[in-house]
N, C-alpha and C. Protein backbone atom coordinates (compact mmCIF):
# COMPACT_ATOMS: atom_id res chain seq x y z
N MET A 1 23.98 4.21 -0.94
CA MET A 1 23.12 3.06 -0.70
C MET A 1 22.38 2.66 -1.97
N ALA A 2 21.82 3.65 -2.67
CA ALA A 2 21.09 3.35 -3.89
C ALA A 2 22.01 2.71 -4.93
N ASP A 3 23.24 3.24 -5.06
CA ASP A 3 24.19 2.66 -6.01
C ASP A 3 24.47 1.19 -5.70
N PHE A 4 24.65 0.89 -4.42
CA PHE A 4 24.93 -0.48 -4.00
C PHE A 4 23.76 -1.39 -4.35
N ILE A 5 22.55 -0.98 -4.00
CA ILE A 5 21.36 -1.81 -4.25
C ILE A 5 21.15 -2.00 -5.74
N LEU A 6 21.24 -0.92 -6.50
CA LEU A 6 21.04 -1.02 -7.95
C LEU A 6 22.14 -1.87 -8.59
N GLY A 7 23.35 -1.78 -8.06
CA GLY A 7 24.44 -2.63 -8.53
C GLY A 7 24.16 -4.10 -8.29
N CYS A 8 23.66 -4.43 -7.12
CA CYS A 8 23.32 -5.82 -6.78
C CYS A 8 22.21 -6.34 -7.70
N ILE A 9 21.22 -5.49 -7.95
CA ILE A 9 20.13 -5.90 -8.85
C ILE A 9 20.69 -6.19 -10.24
N ALA A 10 21.55 -5.32 -10.73
CA ALA A 10 22.15 -5.51 -12.06
C ALA A 10 23.03 -6.76 -12.10
N GLU A 11 23.83 -6.95 -11.05
CA GLU A 11 24.75 -8.09 -11.00
C GLU A 11 24.02 -9.41 -10.98
N HIS A 12 22.93 -9.48 -10.21
CA HIS A 12 22.23 -10.75 -10.04
C HIS A 12 21.04 -10.92 -10.97
N GLY A 13 20.72 -9.88 -11.71
CA GLY A 13 19.67 -9.98 -12.71
C GLY A 13 18.27 -10.16 -12.17
N GLY A 14 18.06 -9.78 -10.92
CA GLY A 14 16.72 -9.90 -10.36
C GLY A 14 15.80 -8.81 -10.88
N PRO A 15 14.52 -9.14 -11.09
CA PRO A 15 13.59 -8.12 -11.57
C PRO A 15 13.24 -7.14 -10.44
N PRO A 16 13.56 -5.87 -10.60
CA PRO A 16 13.31 -4.89 -9.54
C PRO A 16 11.83 -4.75 -9.18
N GLN A 17 10.94 -5.07 -10.12
CA GLN A 17 9.50 -4.97 -9.84
C GLN A 17 9.05 -5.96 -8.78
N GLN A 18 9.88 -6.95 -8.48
CA GLN A 18 9.54 -7.94 -7.47
C GLN A 18 10.14 -7.59 -6.10
N LEU A 19 10.81 -6.44 -6.01
CA LEU A 19 11.45 -6.04 -4.76
C LEU A 19 10.69 -4.90 -4.11
N CYS A 20 10.49 -5.02 -2.81
CA CYS A 20 9.91 -3.94 -2.02
C CYS A 20 10.84 -3.66 -0.86
N PHE A 21 11.32 -2.43 -0.78
CA PHE A 21 12.21 -2.03 0.30
C PHE A 21 11.40 -1.29 1.35
N GLU A 22 11.66 -1.62 2.60
CA GLU A 22 10.97 -0.98 3.70
C GLU A 22 11.89 0.02 4.38
N VAL A 23 11.40 1.23 4.56
CA VAL A 23 12.11 2.28 5.27
C VAL A 23 11.35 2.53 6.56
N THR A 24 12.02 2.37 7.69
CA THR A 24 11.32 2.61 8.94
C THR A 24 11.10 4.10 9.14
N GLU A 25 10.05 4.41 9.84
CA GLU A 25 9.72 5.80 10.12
C GLU A 25 10.87 6.52 10.81
N THR A 26 11.54 5.85 11.75
CA THR A 26 12.62 6.51 12.49
C THR A 26 13.79 6.85 11.58
N VAL A 27 14.09 6.02 10.58
CA VAL A 27 15.15 6.33 9.62
C VAL A 27 14.73 7.51 8.75
N ALA A 28 13.47 7.52 8.34
CA ALA A 28 12.98 8.62 7.50
C ALA A 28 13.07 9.95 8.25
N VAL A 29 12.80 9.92 9.55
CA VAL A 29 12.82 11.15 10.36
C VAL A 29 14.23 11.72 10.42
N ARG A 30 15.23 10.85 10.53
CA ARG A 30 16.61 11.31 10.70
C ARG A 30 17.11 12.15 9.55
N ASN A 31 16.78 11.75 8.34
CA ASN A 31 17.29 12.50 7.19
C ASN A 31 16.33 12.35 6.01
N LEU A 32 15.25 13.10 6.06
CA LEU A 32 14.18 12.99 5.09
C LEU A 32 14.68 13.24 3.66
N VAL A 33 15.52 14.23 3.47
CA VAL A 33 15.99 14.57 2.12
C VAL A 33 16.82 13.43 1.53
N LYS A 34 17.74 12.88 2.32
CA LYS A 34 18.59 11.79 1.84
C LYS A 34 17.76 10.54 1.56
N VAL A 35 16.85 10.21 2.47
CA VAL A 35 15.99 9.03 2.29
C VAL A 35 15.13 9.20 1.03
N ALA A 36 14.57 10.38 0.84
CA ALA A 36 13.72 10.62 -0.32
C ALA A 36 14.50 10.44 -1.62
N SER A 37 15.75 10.85 -1.63
CA SER A 37 16.59 10.71 -2.82
C SER A 37 16.85 9.24 -3.14
N ILE A 38 17.18 8.45 -2.13
CA ILE A 38 17.43 7.02 -2.32
C ILE A 38 16.16 6.32 -2.77
N VAL A 39 15.06 6.64 -2.11
CA VAL A 39 13.78 6.02 -2.42
C VAL A 39 13.37 6.32 -3.86
N GLU A 40 13.55 7.56 -4.28
CA GLU A 40 13.17 7.94 -5.64
C GLU A 40 13.99 7.17 -6.69
N ARG A 41 15.28 7.00 -6.44
CA ARG A 41 16.12 6.25 -7.38
C ARG A 41 15.69 4.79 -7.47
N LEU A 42 15.36 4.19 -6.33
CA LEU A 42 14.91 2.79 -6.33
C LEU A 42 13.57 2.65 -7.04
N ARG A 43 12.67 3.60 -6.80
CA ARG A 43 11.37 3.55 -7.47
C ARG A 43 11.53 3.72 -8.97
N CYS A 44 12.42 4.61 -9.41
CA CYS A 44 12.65 4.81 -10.85
C CYS A 44 13.18 3.54 -11.51
N ALA A 45 13.88 2.72 -10.73
CA ALA A 45 14.41 1.45 -11.24
C ALA A 45 13.33 0.36 -11.28
N GLY A 46 12.17 0.63 -10.67
CA GLY A 46 11.08 -0.34 -10.68
C GLY A 46 10.76 -0.98 -9.35
N CYS A 47 11.56 -0.69 -8.32
CA CYS A 47 11.31 -1.25 -6.99
C CYS A 47 10.14 -0.51 -6.34
N SER A 48 9.51 -1.16 -5.38
CA SER A 48 8.49 -0.46 -4.61
C SER A 48 9.03 -0.19 -3.22
N ILE A 49 8.42 0.80 -2.54
CA ILE A 49 8.91 1.27 -1.24
C ILE A 49 7.76 1.30 -0.25
N ALA A 50 8.02 0.79 0.95
CA ALA A 50 7.03 0.82 2.03
C ALA A 50 7.59 1.63 3.19
N LEU A 51 6.75 2.45 3.79
CA LEU A 51 7.11 3.14 5.03
C LEU A 51 6.67 2.23 6.16
N ASP A 52 7.65 1.67 6.87
CA ASP A 52 7.41 0.65 7.89
C ASP A 52 7.23 1.27 9.27
N ASP A 53 6.46 0.61 10.11
CA ASP A 53 6.25 0.99 11.51
C ASP A 53 5.66 2.38 11.65
N PHE A 54 4.81 2.79 10.70
CA PHE A 54 4.23 4.13 10.79
C PHE A 54 3.40 4.24 12.06
N GLY A 55 3.69 5.28 12.82
CA GLY A 55 3.00 5.52 14.07
C GLY A 55 3.79 5.07 15.28
N ALA A 56 4.90 4.35 15.08
CA ALA A 56 5.68 3.84 16.20
C ALA A 56 6.42 4.95 16.92
N GLY A 57 6.88 5.93 16.19
CA GLY A 57 7.61 7.05 16.78
C GLY A 57 6.74 8.28 16.81
N MET A 58 7.37 9.40 16.65
CA MET A 58 6.64 10.66 16.60
C MET A 58 6.26 10.91 15.14
N SER A 59 5.34 10.10 14.64
CA SER A 59 5.04 10.13 13.22
C SER A 59 4.39 11.44 12.80
N SER A 60 4.61 11.73 11.54
CA SER A 60 4.04 12.91 10.94
C SER A 60 3.40 12.50 9.63
N PHE A 61 2.19 12.98 9.41
CA PHE A 61 1.54 12.68 8.14
C PHE A 61 2.27 13.35 6.99
N GLY A 62 3.19 14.25 7.30
CA GLY A 62 4.01 14.88 6.27
C GLY A 62 4.83 13.86 5.50
N TYR A 63 5.25 12.77 6.14
CA TYR A 63 6.00 11.73 5.44
C TYR A 63 5.15 11.13 4.33
N LEU A 64 3.87 10.96 4.62
CA LEU A 64 2.98 10.39 3.62
C LEU A 64 2.82 11.33 2.43
N LYS A 65 2.95 12.61 2.71
CA LYS A 65 2.80 13.60 1.65
C LYS A 65 4.09 13.79 0.85
N ASN A 66 5.24 13.69 1.51
CA ASN A 66 6.50 14.09 0.89
C ASN A 66 7.40 12.96 0.43
N LEU A 67 7.23 11.75 0.95
CA LEU A 67 8.08 10.64 0.51
C LEU A 67 7.42 9.91 -0.66
N PRO A 68 8.20 9.57 -1.69
CA PRO A 68 7.64 8.79 -2.80
C PRO A 68 7.48 7.33 -2.37
N LEU A 69 6.29 6.95 -1.99
CA LEU A 69 6.02 5.63 -1.42
C LEU A 69 5.03 4.85 -2.28
N ASP A 70 4.97 3.55 -2.02
CA ASP A 70 3.97 2.68 -2.63
C ASP A 70 3.05 2.06 -1.58
N ARG A 71 3.61 1.87 -0.37
CA ARG A 71 2.86 1.23 0.72
C ARG A 71 3.15 1.94 2.03
N ILE A 72 2.21 1.83 2.93
CA ILE A 72 2.43 2.28 4.30
C ILE A 72 2.03 1.14 5.22
N LYS A 73 2.89 0.85 6.19
CA LYS A 73 2.64 -0.25 7.11
C LYS A 73 2.34 0.33 8.49
N ILE A 74 1.12 0.12 8.95
CA ILE A 74 0.69 0.65 10.25
C ILE A 74 1.30 -0.18 11.36
N ASP A 75 1.96 0.50 12.30
CA ASP A 75 2.64 -0.18 13.39
C ASP A 75 1.68 -1.03 14.20
N ARG A 76 2.18 -2.17 14.65
CA ARG A 76 1.36 -3.14 15.39
C ARG A 76 0.80 -2.58 16.69
N SER A 77 1.42 -1.53 17.24
CA SER A 77 0.92 -0.97 18.50
C SER A 77 -0.50 -0.44 18.36
N PHE A 78 -0.92 -0.09 17.15
CA PHE A 78 -2.29 0.34 16.92
C PHE A 78 -3.20 -0.83 16.60
N ILE A 79 -2.62 -1.88 16.03
CA ILE A 79 -3.41 -3.03 15.59
C ILE A 79 -3.82 -3.92 16.76
N ILE A 80 -2.93 -4.08 17.74
CA ILE A 80 -3.18 -5.05 18.82
C ILE A 80 -4.45 -4.74 19.63
N ASP A 81 -4.82 -3.47 19.71
CA ASP A 81 -6.03 -3.13 20.46
C ASP A 81 -7.08 -2.47 19.58
N LEU A 82 -7.02 -2.76 18.31
CA LEU A 82 -7.95 -2.17 17.34
C LEU A 82 -9.41 -2.39 17.74
N ASP A 83 -9.73 -3.57 18.24
CA ASP A 83 -11.12 -3.89 18.56
C ASP A 83 -11.55 -3.41 19.94
N THR A 84 -10.62 -2.86 20.74
CA THR A 84 -11.00 -2.42 22.09
C THR A 84 -10.72 -0.94 22.35
N ASP A 85 -9.88 -0.32 21.55
CA ASP A 85 -9.51 1.08 21.79
C ASP A 85 -10.03 1.96 20.66
N PRO A 86 -10.98 2.84 20.95
CA PRO A 86 -11.54 3.69 19.91
C PRO A 86 -10.51 4.63 19.27
N ILE A 87 -9.48 5.01 20.02
CA ILE A 87 -8.45 5.88 19.46
C ILE A 87 -7.64 5.13 18.40
N SER A 88 -7.25 3.89 18.69
CA SER A 88 -6.54 3.09 17.69
C SER A 88 -7.39 2.91 16.44
N HIS A 89 -8.66 2.65 16.64
CA HIS A 89 -9.61 2.49 15.54
C HIS A 89 -9.62 3.75 14.67
N THR A 90 -9.70 4.91 15.29
CA THR A 90 -9.74 6.17 14.55
C THR A 90 -8.42 6.45 13.84
N ILE A 91 -7.31 6.17 14.51
CA ILE A 91 -5.99 6.39 13.90
C ILE A 91 -5.81 5.51 12.67
N ILE A 92 -6.17 4.23 12.78
CA ILE A 92 -6.04 3.31 11.65
C ILE A 92 -6.93 3.75 10.50
N SER A 93 -8.14 4.16 10.82
CA SER A 93 -9.05 4.66 9.79
C SER A 93 -8.46 5.87 9.07
N ALA A 94 -7.91 6.81 9.83
CA ALA A 94 -7.32 8.02 9.25
C ALA A 94 -6.12 7.70 8.37
N ILE A 95 -5.22 6.87 8.88
CA ILE A 95 -4.03 6.50 8.11
C ILE A 95 -4.44 5.81 6.81
N THR A 96 -5.43 4.93 6.90
CA THR A 96 -5.90 4.21 5.71
C THR A 96 -6.50 5.16 4.69
N LYS A 97 -7.33 6.07 5.14
CA LYS A 97 -7.95 7.01 4.20
C LYS A 97 -6.91 7.91 3.54
N ILE A 98 -5.98 8.41 4.32
CA ILE A 98 -4.93 9.27 3.76
C ILE A 98 -4.05 8.46 2.80
N GLY A 99 -3.69 7.25 3.19
CA GLY A 99 -2.89 6.39 2.31
C GLY A 99 -3.59 6.15 0.98
N HIS A 100 -4.86 5.82 1.03
CA HIS A 100 -5.60 5.57 -0.21
C HIS A 100 -5.73 6.84 -1.05
N GLN A 101 -5.90 7.97 -0.38
CA GLN A 101 -5.97 9.24 -1.10
C GLN A 101 -4.70 9.48 -1.92
N ARG A 102 -3.56 9.03 -1.36
CA ARG A 102 -2.26 9.16 -2.06
C ARG A 102 -2.00 8.02 -3.03
N GLY A 103 -2.91 7.05 -3.10
CA GLY A 103 -2.72 5.92 -4.01
C GLY A 103 -1.83 4.84 -3.42
N LEU A 104 -1.66 4.83 -2.10
CA LEU A 104 -0.82 3.83 -1.43
C LEU A 104 -1.64 2.63 -1.02
N LYS A 105 -0.99 1.47 -0.97
CA LYS A 105 -1.57 0.29 -0.35
C LYS A 105 -1.25 0.38 1.14
N VAL A 106 -2.19 -0.07 1.97
CA VAL A 106 -2.03 0.01 3.42
C VAL A 106 -1.94 -1.39 4.00
N VAL A 107 -0.93 -1.60 4.87
CA VAL A 107 -0.67 -2.90 5.48
C VAL A 107 -0.79 -2.77 6.99
N ALA A 108 -1.50 -3.70 7.62
CA ALA A 108 -1.59 -3.77 9.07
C ALA A 108 -0.53 -4.76 9.55
N GLU A 109 0.37 -4.30 10.41
CA GLU A 109 1.42 -5.17 10.96
C GLU A 109 0.95 -5.78 12.28
N GLY A 110 1.47 -6.96 12.59
CA GLY A 110 1.22 -7.56 13.90
C GLY A 110 -0.18 -8.07 14.10
N VAL A 111 -0.83 -8.52 13.04
CA VAL A 111 -2.18 -9.06 13.16
C VAL A 111 -2.09 -10.43 13.82
N SER A 112 -2.66 -10.55 15.00
CA SER A 112 -2.50 -11.77 15.78
C SER A 112 -3.71 -12.70 15.75
N SER A 113 -4.77 -12.30 15.06
CA SER A 113 -5.96 -13.15 15.01
C SER A 113 -6.79 -12.82 13.77
N GLY A 114 -7.65 -13.75 13.41
CA GLY A 114 -8.56 -13.52 12.31
C GLY A 114 -9.51 -12.37 12.60
N HIS A 115 -9.86 -12.23 13.88
CA HIS A 115 -10.77 -11.15 14.29
C HIS A 115 -10.14 -9.78 14.02
N LEU A 116 -8.85 -9.62 14.36
CA LEU A 116 -8.17 -8.36 14.09
C LEU A 116 -8.00 -8.13 12.59
N CYS A 117 -7.80 -9.19 11.86
CA CYS A 117 -7.69 -9.08 10.41
C CYS A 117 -8.99 -8.54 9.83
N GLU A 118 -10.10 -9.07 10.27
CA GLU A 118 -11.41 -8.61 9.79
C GLU A 118 -11.67 -7.17 10.21
N ALA A 119 -11.27 -6.81 11.42
CA ALA A 119 -11.47 -5.44 11.90
C ALA A 119 -10.67 -4.46 11.03
N ALA A 120 -9.43 -4.83 10.70
CA ALA A 120 -8.60 -3.97 9.84
C ALA A 120 -9.21 -3.90 8.44
N ARG A 121 -9.66 -5.01 7.94
CA ARG A 121 -10.28 -5.04 6.61
C ARG A 121 -11.52 -4.14 6.56
N SER A 122 -12.29 -4.13 7.65
CA SER A 122 -13.49 -3.30 7.68
C SER A 122 -13.17 -1.81 7.62
N LEU A 123 -11.94 -1.45 7.97
CA LEU A 123 -11.51 -0.05 7.89
C LEU A 123 -10.85 0.27 6.55
N GLY A 124 -10.78 -0.71 5.68
CA GLY A 124 -10.23 -0.49 4.35
C GLY A 124 -8.77 -0.86 4.18
N VAL A 125 -8.16 -1.44 5.22
CA VAL A 125 -6.76 -1.86 5.12
C VAL A 125 -6.65 -2.92 4.03
N ASP A 126 -5.63 -2.78 3.18
CA ASP A 126 -5.48 -3.65 2.01
C ASP A 126 -4.84 -5.00 2.32
N TYR A 127 -3.81 -4.99 3.17
CA TYR A 127 -3.05 -6.20 3.47
C TYR A 127 -2.82 -6.31 4.97
N ALA A 128 -2.56 -7.53 5.41
CA ALA A 128 -2.23 -7.76 6.82
C ALA A 128 -1.07 -8.74 6.90
N GLN A 129 -0.27 -8.58 7.94
CA GLN A 129 0.79 -9.54 8.20
C GLN A 129 0.84 -9.77 9.71
N GLY A 130 1.18 -10.98 10.08
CA GLY A 130 1.29 -11.30 11.50
C GLY A 130 1.09 -12.77 11.77
N PHE A 131 1.41 -13.16 12.98
CA PHE A 131 1.33 -14.56 13.37
C PHE A 131 -0.09 -15.11 13.31
N GLY A 132 -1.09 -14.25 13.40
CA GLY A 132 -2.47 -14.70 13.30
C GLY A 132 -2.83 -15.21 11.92
N LEU A 133 -2.01 -14.85 10.95
CA LEU A 133 -2.25 -15.28 9.57
C LEU A 133 -1.36 -16.44 9.19
N HIS A 134 -0.10 -16.36 9.59
CA HIS A 134 0.85 -17.43 9.28
C HIS A 134 2.13 -17.22 10.08
N ARG A 135 2.66 -18.28 10.57
CA ARG A 135 3.94 -18.22 11.28
C ARG A 135 5.08 -18.20 10.28
N PRO A 136 6.16 -17.48 10.57
CA PRO A 136 7.32 -17.50 9.67
C PRO A 136 7.87 -18.92 9.56
N GLU A 137 8.40 -19.23 8.41
CA GLU A 137 9.02 -20.53 8.23
C GLU A 137 10.24 -20.39 7.34
N GLN A 138 11.13 -21.35 7.43
CA GLN A 138 12.34 -21.33 6.63
C GLN A 138 12.00 -21.54 5.17
N VAL A 139 12.76 -20.86 4.33
CA VAL A 139 12.60 -21.00 2.90
C VAL A 139 13.91 -21.51 2.33
N ALA A 140 13.81 -22.52 1.49
CA ALA A 140 15.01 -23.05 0.84
C ALA A 140 15.31 -22.16 -0.36
N PHE A 141 16.45 -21.49 -0.31
CA PHE A 141 16.84 -20.60 -1.40
C PHE A 141 17.62 -21.35 -2.45
N GLN A 142 17.39 -21.01 -3.69
CA GLN A 142 18.15 -21.59 -4.79
C GLN A 142 19.12 -20.54 -5.31
N ARG A 143 20.27 -20.97 -5.67
CA ARG A 143 21.25 -20.03 -6.25
C ARG A 143 21.14 -20.06 -7.75
């Protein structure tokens, strides 16, 4: 996989520093050693790596310790009730603190309102994505 991606980058001349690859937690769980090897090669080439949907499965903070990452994306299942569920609030706070301790940027997924965005920001979350911020739209690609 890494050879293919690095080959495409070389062929098309895209700057790897502008690419961020997301690895879902469930894929990381299946084969941590193989994923770590691919991730490390991509990072050495200048790409950044995000652990996506953290908390969606049977997450382990060990991934945050052992995978060479740049970002962690907190699963939307914790974000949707951030302002009403004290457990979600505590989990998001813990993930954010651990992520920052490792030097990672933290992203809140599935932010559906400005209120949730502010709640995540108050816990130290660095970035947010979701329909509450902007709806997806088509992009005209140039060749």
